[in-house]
């Protein structure tokens, strides 16, 4: 059992039961001129987290833990 010193109380978990879920890490949300920018979002904030997400993915894979990706998409009609 591992523990994270979180607030309001520590969080205990089993590392072998973990998975990383990466949600909507898509260029359309992160690049200037994409959908995220068209909504008025500061996409530089999204780009800033990409190296951290990459390290998390690499770490989970190296540990043999699942990495799950989601992607938002829409039908053309």
PDB file of N, CA and C in Angstrom:
ATOM      1  N   UNK A   1       0.858  -1.168   0.000  1.00  0.00           N
ATOM      2  CA  UNK A   1       0.000   0.000   0.000  1.00  0.00           C
ATOM      3  C   UNK A   1       0.905   1.232   0.000  1.00  0.00           C
ATOM      4  N   UNK A   2       0.576   2.193  -0.824  1.00  0.00           N
ATOM      5  CA  UNK A   2       1.306   3.463  -0.867  1.00  0.00           C
ATOM      6  C   UNK A   2       0.369   4.565  -0.390  1.00  0.00           C
ATOM      7  N   UNK A   3       0.942   5.712  -0.108  1.00  0.00           N
ATOM      8  CA  UNK A   3       0.120   6.805   0.416  1.00  0.00           C
ATOM      9  C   UNK A   3       0.628   8.139  -0.120  1.00  0.00           C
ATOM     10  N   UNK A   4      -0.305   9.011  -0.469  1.00  0.00           N
ATOM     11  CA  UNK A   4       0.003  10.378  -0.877  1.00  0.00           C
ATOM     12  C   UNK A   4      -0.441  11.288   0.253  1.00  0.00           C
ATOM     13  N   UNK A   5       0.433  12.185   0.670  1.00  0.00           N
ATOM     14  CA  UNK A   5       0.116  13.130   1.741  1.00  0.00           C
ATOM     15  C   UNK A   5      -0.766  14.238   1.169  1.00  0.00           C
ATOM     16  N   UNK A   6      -2.050  13.967   1.061  1.00  0.00           N
ATOM     17  CA  UNK A   6      -3.012  14.889   0.462  1.00  0.00           C
ATOM     18  C   UNK A   6      -3.860  15.548   1.542  1.00  0.00           C
ATOM     19  N   UNK A   7      -4.559  16.594   1.153  1.00  0.00           N
ATOM     20  CA  UNK A   7      -5.484  17.278   2.065  1.00  0.00           C
ATOM     21  C   UNK A   7      -6.908  17.045   1.601  1.00  0.00           C
ATOM     22  N   UNK A   8      -7.858  16.848   2.446  1.00  0.00           N
ATOM     23  CA  UNK A   8      -7.822  17.047   3.888  1.00  0.00           C
ATOM     24  C   UNK A   8      -7.268  15.852   4.657  1.00  0.00           C
ATOM     25  N   UNK A   9      -6.967  14.744   3.960  1.00  0.00           N
ATOM     26  CA  UNK A   9      -6.417  13.573   4.641  1.00  0.00           C
ATOM     27  C   UNK A   9      -5.554  12.800   3.649  1.00  0.00           C
ATOM     28  N   UNK A  10      -4.623  11.993   4.138  1.00  0.00           N
ATOM     29  CA  UNK A  10      -3.778  11.192   3.251  1.00  0.00           C
ATOM     30  C   UNK A  10      -4.621  10.226   2.410  1.00  0.00           C
ATOM     31  N   UNK A  11      -4.130   9.930   1.215  1.00  0.00           N
ATOM     32  CA  UNK A  11      -4.823   9.047   0.284  1.00  0.00           C
ATOM     33  C   UNK A  11      -3.991   7.781   0.104  1.00  0.00           C
ATOM     34  N   UNK A  12      -4.541   6.650   0.540  1.00  0.00           N
ATOM     35  CA  UNK A  12      -3.858   5.359   0.413  1.00  0.00           C
ATOM     36  C   UNK A  12      -4.357   4.639  -0.841  1.00  0.00           C
ATOM     37  N   UNK A  13      -3.443   3.946  -1.522  1.00  0.00           N
ATOM     38  CA  UNK A  13      -3.810   3.243  -2.753  1.00  0.00           C
ATOM     39  C   UNK A  13      -2.833   2.095  -3.003  1.00  0.00           C
ATOM     40  N   UNK A  14      -3.257   1.183  -3.873  1.00  0.00           N
ATOM     41  CA  UNK A  14      -2.410   0.067  -4.292  1.00  0.00           C
ATOM     42  C   UNK A  14      -1.823   0.415  -5.661  1.00  0.00           C
ATOM     43  N   UNK A  15      -0.529   0.666  -5.762  1.00  0.00           N
ATOM     44  CA  UNK A  15       0.065   1.044  -7.050  1.00  0.00           C
ATOM     45  C   UNK A  15      -0.226   0.040  -8.164  1.00  0.00           C
ATOM     46  N   UNK A  16      -0.269  -1.248  -7.841  1.00  0.00           N
ATOM     47  CA  UNK A  16      -0.510  -2.256  -8.874  1.00  0.00           C
ATOM     48  C   UNK A  16      -1.940  -2.227  -9.412  1.00  0.00           C
ATOM     49  N   UNK A  17      -2.821  -1.480  -8.766  1.00  0.00           N
ATOM     50  CA  UNK A  17      -4.215  -1.378  -9.204  1.00  0.00           C
ATOM     51  C   UNK A  17      -4.494  -0.049  -9.908  1.00  0.00           C
ATOM     52  N   UNK A  18      -3.433   0.679 -10.253  1.00  0.00           N
ATOM     53  CA  UNK A  18      -3.605   1.999 -10.860  1.00  0.00           C
ATOM     54  C   UNK A  18      -3.634   1.914 -12.382  1.00  0.00           C
ATOM     55  N   UNK A  19      -4.231   2.935 -12.990  1.00  0.00           N
ATOM     56  CA  UNK A  19      -4.182   3.143 -14.438  1.00  0.00           C
ATOM     57  C   UNK A  19      -4.116   4.644 -14.664  1.00  0.00           C
ATOM     58  N   UNK A  20      -3.525   5.042 -15.767  1.00  0.00           N
ATOM     59  CA  UNK A  20      -3.482   6.449 -16.153  1.00  0.00           C
ATOM     60  C   UNK A  20      -4.508   6.660 -17.252  1.00  0.00           C
ATOM     61  N   UNK A  21      -5.401   7.621 -17.080  1.00  0.00           N
ATOM     62  CA  UNK A  21      -6.396   7.956 -18.090  1.00  0.00           C
ATOM     63  C   UNK A  21      -6.057   9.342 -18.626  1.00  0.00           C
ATOM     64  N   UNK A  22      -5.736   9.410 -19.907  1.00  0.00           N
ATOM     65  CA  UNK A  22      -5.369  10.667 -20.566  1.00  0.00           C
ATOM     66  C   UNK A  22      -6.566  11.082 -21.414  1.00  0.00           C
ATOM     67  N   UNK A  23      -7.166  12.219 -21.058  1.00  0.00           N
ATOM     68  CA  UNK A  23      -8.419  12.642 -21.677  1.00  0.00           C
ATOM     69  C   UNK A  23      -8.197  13.826 -22.613  1.00  0.00           C
ATOM     70  N   UNK A  24      -8.593  13.659 -23.867  1.00  0.00           N
ATOM     71  CA  UNK A  24      -8.624  14.736 -24.863  1.00  0.00           C
ATOM     72  C   UNK A  24      -7.303  15.471 -25.060  1.00  0.00           C
ATOM     73  N   UNK A  25      -6.185  14.765 -25.031  1.00  0.00           N
ATOM     74  CA  UNK A  25      -4.892  15.393 -25.339  1.00  0.00           C
ATOM     75  C   UNK A  25      -4.741  15.401 -26.857  1.00  0.00           C
ATOM     76  N   UNK A  26      -5.414  16.366 -27.480  1.00  0.00           N
ATOM     77  CA  UNK A  26      -5.476  16.433 -28.930  1.00  0.00           C
ATOM     78  C   UNK A  26      -4.941  17.775 -29.417  1.00  0.00           C
ATOM     79  N   UNK A  27      -4.315  17.748 -30.576  1.00  0.00           N
ATOM     80  CA  UNK A  27      -3.744  18.970 -31.147  1.00  0.00           C
ATOM     81  C   UNK A  27      -4.809  20.044 -31.344  1.00  0.00           C
ATOM     82  N   UNK A  28      -6.013  19.645 -31.693  1.00  0.00           N
ATOM     83  CA  UNK A  28      -7.082  20.615 -31.946  1.00  0.00           C
ATOM     84  C   UNK A  28      -7.404  21.441 -30.709  1.00  0.00           C
ATOM     85  N   UNK A  29      -7.164  20.892 -29.529  1.00  0.00           N
ATOM     86  CA  UNK A  29      -7.411  21.636 -28.290  1.00  0.00           C
ATOM     87  C   UNK A  29      -6.195  22.438 -27.850  1.00  0.00           C
ATOM     88  N   UNK A  30      -5.009  22.096 -28.364  1.00  0.00           N
ATOM     89  CA  UNK A  30      -3.773  22.666 -27.831  1.00  0.00           C
ATOM     90  C   UNK A  30      -3.066  23.650 -28.755  1.00  0.00           C
ATOM     91  N   UNK A  31      -3.374  23.636 -30.030  1.00  0.00           N
ATOM     92  CA  UNK A  31      -2.618  24.474 -30.957  1.00  0.00           C
ATOM     93  C   UNK A  31      -3.362  25.758 -31.310  1.00  0.00           C
ATOM     94  N   UNK A  32      -2.609  26.830 -31.532  1.00  0.00           N
ATOM     95  CA  UNK A  32      -3.235  28.072 -32.006  1.00  0.00           C
ATOM     96  C   UNK A  32      -3.991  27.794 -33.310  1.00  0.00           C
ATOM     97  N   UNK A  33      -5.177  28.357 -33.432  1.00  0.00           N
ATOM     98  CA  UNK A  33      -5.994  28.140 -34.616  1.00  0.00           C
ATOM     99  C   UNK A  33      -6.899  26.935 -34.518  1.00  0.00           C
ATOM    100  N   UNK A  34      -6.751  26.142 -33.479  1.00  0.00           N
ATOM    101  CA  UNK A  34      -7.586  24.957 -33.304  1.00  0.00           C
ATOM    102  C   UNK A  34      -8.884  25.285 -32.584  1.00  0.00           C
ATOM    103  N   UNK A  35      -9.655  24.249 -32.300  1.00  0.00           N
ATOM    104  CA  UNK A  35     -10.957  24.430 -31.659  1.00  0.00           C
ATOM    105  C   UNK A  35     -10.830  25.096 -30.297  1.00  0.00           C
ATOM    106  N   UNK A  36      -9.852  24.671 -29.503  1.00  0.00           N
ATOM    107  CA  UNK A  36      -9.673  25.267 -28.177  1.00  0.00           C
ATOM    108  C   UNK A  36      -9.437  26.759 -28.249  1.00  0.00           C
ATOM    109  N   UNK A  37      -8.581  27.185 -29.178  1.00  0.00           N
ATOM    110  CA  UNK A  37      -8.301  28.613 -29.344  1.00  0.00           C
ATOM    111  C   UNK A  37      -9.530  29.354 -29.861  1.00  0.00           C
ATOM    112  N   UNK A  38     -10.329  28.701 -30.712  1.00  0.00           N
ATOM    113  CA  UNK A  38     -11.520  29.364 -31.258  1.00  0.00           C
ATOM    114  C   UNK A  38     -12.550  29.665 -30.174  1.00  0.00           C
ATOM    115  N   UNK A  39     -12.459  28.961 -29.042  1.00  0.00           N
ATOM    116  CA  UNK A  39     -13.358  29.224 -27.913  1.00  0.00           C
ATOM    117  C   UNK A  39     -12.831  30.340 -27.017  1.00  0.00           C
ATOM    118  N   UNK A  40     -11.649  30.865 -27.365  1.00  0.00           N
ATOM    119  CA  UNK A  40     -11.048  31.911 -26.554  1.00  0.00           C
ATOM    120  C   UNK A  40     -10.156  31.378 -25.449  1.00  0.00           C
ATOM    121  N   UNK A  41      -9.876  30.085 -25.469  1.00  0.00           N
ATOM    122  CA  UNK A  41      -9.020  29.487 -24.441  1.00  0.00           C
ATOM    123  C   UNK A  41      -7.557  29.837 -24.676  1.00  0.00           C
ATOM    124  N   UNK A  42      -6.813  29.967 -23.596  1.00  0.00           N
ATOM    125  CA  UNK A  42      -5.371  30.169 -23.667  1.00  0.00           C
ATOM    126  C   UNK A  42      -4.732  28.799 -23.859  1.00  0.00           C
ATOM    127  N   UNK A  43      -4.488  28.423 -25.118  1.00  0.00           N
ATOM    128  CA  UNK A  43      -3.993  27.078 -25.409  1.00  0.00           C
ATOM    129  C   UNK A  43      -2.554  26.872 -24.940  1.00  0.00           C
ATOM    130  N   UNK A  44      -1.851  27.931 -24.613  1.00  0.00           N
ATOM    131  CA  UNK A  44      -0.483  27.768 -24.103  1.00  0.00           C
ATOM    132  C   UNK A  44      -0.491  27.000 -22.784  1.00  0.00           C
ATOM    133  N   UNK A  45      -1.575  27.084 -22.050  1.00  0.00           N
ATOM    134  CA  UNK A  45      -1.681  26.342 -20.789  1.00  0.00           C
ATOM    135  C   UNK A  45      -1.776  24.841 -21.048  1.00  0.00           C
ATOM    136  N   UNK A  46      -2.430  24.454 -22.142  1.00  0.00           N
ATOM    137  CA  UNK A  46      -2.533  23.038 -22.495  1.00  0.00           C
ATOM    138  C   UNK A  46      -1.165  22.531 -22.953  1.00  0.00           C
ATOM    139  N   UNK A  47      -0.522  23.302 -23.821  1.00  0.00           N
ATOM    140  CA  UNK A  47       0.792  22.914 -24.334  1.00  0.00           C
ATOM    141  C   UNK A  47       1.785  22.744 -23.186  1.00  0.00           C
ATOM    142  N   UNK A  48       1.667  23.564 -22.155  1.00  0.00           N
ATOM    143  CA  UNK A  48       2.607  23.527 -21.032  1.00  0.00           C
ATOM    144  C   UNK A  48       2.582  22.198 -20.274  1.00  0.00           C
ATOM    145  N   UNK A  49       1.455  21.485 -20.287  1.00  0.00           N
ATOM    146  CA  UNK A  49       1.382  20.231 -19.526  1.00  0.00           C
ATOM    147  C   UNK A  49       1.799  19.007 -20.334  1.00  0.00           C
ATOM    148  N   UNK A  50       2.007  19.172 -21.637  1.00  0.00           N
ATOM    149  CA  UNK A  50       2.337  18.024 -22.491  1.00  0.00           C
ATOM    150  C   UNK A  50       3.589  17.278 -22.018  1.00  0.00           C
ATOM    151  N   UNK A  51       4.699  17.945 -21.680  1.00  0.00           N
ATOM    152  CA  UNK A  51       5.868  17.187 -21.207  1.00  0.00           C
ATOM    153  C   UNK A  51       5.582  16.374 -19.938  1.00  0.00           C
ATOM    154  N   UNK A  52       4.785  16.912 -19.035  1.00  0.00           N
ATOM    155  CA  UNK A  52       4.441  16.180 -17.809  1.00  0.00           C
ATOM    156  C   UNK A  52       3.585  14.963 -18.129  1.00  0.00           C
ATOM    157  N   UNK A  53       2.607  15.129 -19.009  1.00  0.00           N
ATOM    158  CA  UNK A  53       1.758  13.997 -19.401  1.00  0.00           C
ATOM    159  C   UNK A  53       2.610  12.927 -20.086  1.00  0.00           C
ATOM    160  N   UNK A  54       3.547  13.355 -20.925  1.00  0.00           N
ATOM    161  CA  UNK A  54       4.434  12.403 -21.599  1.00  0.00           C
ATOM    162  C   UNK A  54       5.246  11.601 -20.580  1.00  0.00           C
ATOM    163  N   UNK A  55       5.788  12.267 -19.566  1.00  0.00           N
ATOM    164  CA  UNK A  55       6.557  11.564 -18.530  1.00  0.00           C
ATOM    165  C   UNK A  55       5.671  10.586 -17.755  1.00  0.00           C
ATOM    166  N   UNK A  56       4.442  10.996 -17.458  1.00  0.00           N
ATOM    167  CA  UNK A  56       3.518  10.093 -16.763  1.00  0.00           C
ATOM    168  C   UNK A  56       3.238   8.846 -17.597  1.00  0.00           C
ATOM    169  N   UNK A  57       2.972   9.039 -18.887  1.00  0.00           N
ATOM    170  CA  UNK A  57       2.709   7.906 -19.781  1.00  0.00           C
ATOM    171  C   UNK A  57       3.909   6.967 -19.799  1.00  0.00           C
ATOM    172  N   UNK A  58       5.105   7.529 -19.968  1.00  0.00           N
ATOM    173  CA  UNK A  58       6.317   6.703 -20.001  1.00  0.00           C
ATOM    174  C   UNK A  58       6.508   5.948 -18.689  1.00  0.00           C
ATOM    175  N   UNK A  59       6.263   6.611 -17.565  1.00  0.00           N
ATOM    176  CA  UNK A  59       6.419   5.975 -16.260  1.00  0.00           C
ATOM    177  C   UNK A  59       5.432   4.845 -16.036  1.00  0.00           C
ATOM    178  N   UNK A  60       4.179   5.072 -16.393  1.00  0.00           N
ATOM    179  CA  UNK A  60       3.168   4.023 -16.237  1.00  0.00           C
ATOM    180  C   UNK A  60       3.500   2.828 -17.120  1.00  0.00           C
ATOM    181  N   UNK A  61       3.893   3.090 -18.367  1.00  0.00           N
ATOM    182  CA  UNK A  61       4.235   1.979 -19.266  1.00  0.00           C
ATOM    183  C   UNK A  61       5.448   1.212 -18.763  1.00  0.00           C
ATOM    184  N   UNK A  62       6.455   1.932 -18.272  1.00  0.00           N
ATOM    185  CA  UNK A  62       7.658   1.277 -17.742  1.00  0.00           C
ATOM    186  C   UNK A  62       7.321   0.392 -16.545  1.00  0.00           C
ATOM    187  N   UNK A  63       6.309   0.794 -15.780  1.00  0.00           N
ATOM    188  CA  UNK A  63       5.886   0.015 -14.612  1.00  0.00           C
ATOM    189  C   UNK A  63       4.909  -1.098 -14.979  1.00  0.00           C
ATOM    190  N   UNK A  64       4.558  -1.196 -16.266  1.00  0.00           N
ATOM    191  CA  UNK A  64       3.624  -2.229 -16.702  1.00  0.00           C
ATOM    192  C   UNK A  64       2.179  -1.929 -16.340  1.00  0.00           C
ATOM    193  N   UNK A  65       1.879  -0.651 -16.077  1.00  0.00           N
ATOM    194  CA  UNK A  65       0.519  -0.253 -15.710  1.00  0.00           C
ATOM    195  C   UNK A  65      -0.238   0.239 -16.940  1.00  0.00           C
ATOM    196  N   UNK A  66      -1.560   0.101 -16.949  1.00  0.00           N
ATOM    197  CA  UNK A  66      -2.347   0.501 -18.110  1.00  0.00           C
ATOM    198  C   UNK A  66      -2.352   2.014 -18.329  1.00  0.00           C
ATOM    199  N   UNK A  67      -2.331   2.382 -19.614  1.00  0.00           N
ATOM    200  CA  UNK A  67      -2.509   3.775 -20.031  1.00  0.00           C
ATOM    201  C   UNK A  67      -3.699   3.779 -20.979  1.00  0.00           C
ATOM    202  N   UNK A  68      -4.707   4.586 -20.648  1.00  0.00           N
ATOM    203  CA  UNK A  68      -5.940   4.651 -21.432  1.00  0.00           C
ATOM    204  C   UNK A  68      -6.061   6.054 -22.000  1.00  0.00           C
ATOM    205  N   UNK A  69      -6.297   6.152 -23.312  1.00  0.00           N
ATOM    206  CA  UNK A  69      -6.462   7.448 -23.968  1.00  0.00           C
ATOM    207  C   UNK A  69      -7.911   7.593 -24.426  1.00  0.00           C
ATOM    208  N   UNK A  70      -8.443   8.800 -24.293  1.00  0.00           N
ATOM    209  CA  UNK A  70      -9.744   9.096 -24.886  1.00  0.00           C
ATOM    210  C   UNK A  70      -9.536  10.164 -25.945  1.00  0.00           C
ATOM    211  N   UNK A  71     -10.466  10.243 -26.880  1.00  0.00           N
ATOM    212  CA  UNK A  71     -10.382  11.243 -27.933  1.00  0.00           C
ATOM    213  C   UNK A  71     -11.786  11.722 -28.266  1.00  0.00           C
ATOM    214  N   UNK A  72     -11.960  13.022 -28.300  1.00  0.00           N
ATOM    215  CA  UNK A  72     -13.250  13.568 -28.696  1.00  0.00           C
ATOM    216  C   UNK A  72     -13.296  13.646 -30.212  1.00  0.00           C
ATOM    217  N   UNK A  73     -14.384  13.188 -30.776  1.00  0.00           N
ATOM    218  CA  UNK A  73     -14.571  13.303 -32.220  1.00  0.00           C
ATOM    219  C   UNK A  73     -16.067  13.343 -32.508  1.00  0.00           C
ATOM    220  N   UNK A  74     -16.386  13.821 -33.679  1.00  0.00           N
ATOM    221  CA  UNK A  74     -17.784  13.975 -34.083  1.00  0.00           C
ATOM    222  C   UNK A  74     -17.951  13.485 -35.512  1.00  0.00           C
ATOM    223  N   UNK A  75     -19.102  12.931 -35.791  1.00  0.00           N
ATOM    224  CA  UNK A  75     -19.412  12.546 -37.167  1.00  0.00           C
ATOM    225  C   UNK A  75     -19.589  13.797 -38.004  1.00  0.00           C
ATOM    226  N   UNK A  76     -19.311  13.698 -39.279  1.00  0.00           N
ATOM    227  CA  UNK A  76     -19.391  14.868 -40.160  1.00  0.00           C
ATOM    228  C   UNK A  76     -20.811  15.384 -40.331  1.00  0.00           C
ATOM    229  N   UNK A  77     -21.801  14.549 -40.084  1.00  0.00           N
ATOM    230  CA  UNK A  77     -23.184  15.008 -40.229  1.00  0.00           C
ATOM    231  C   UNK A  77     -23.694  15.534 -38.903  1.00  0.00           C
TER     232      UNK A  77
END
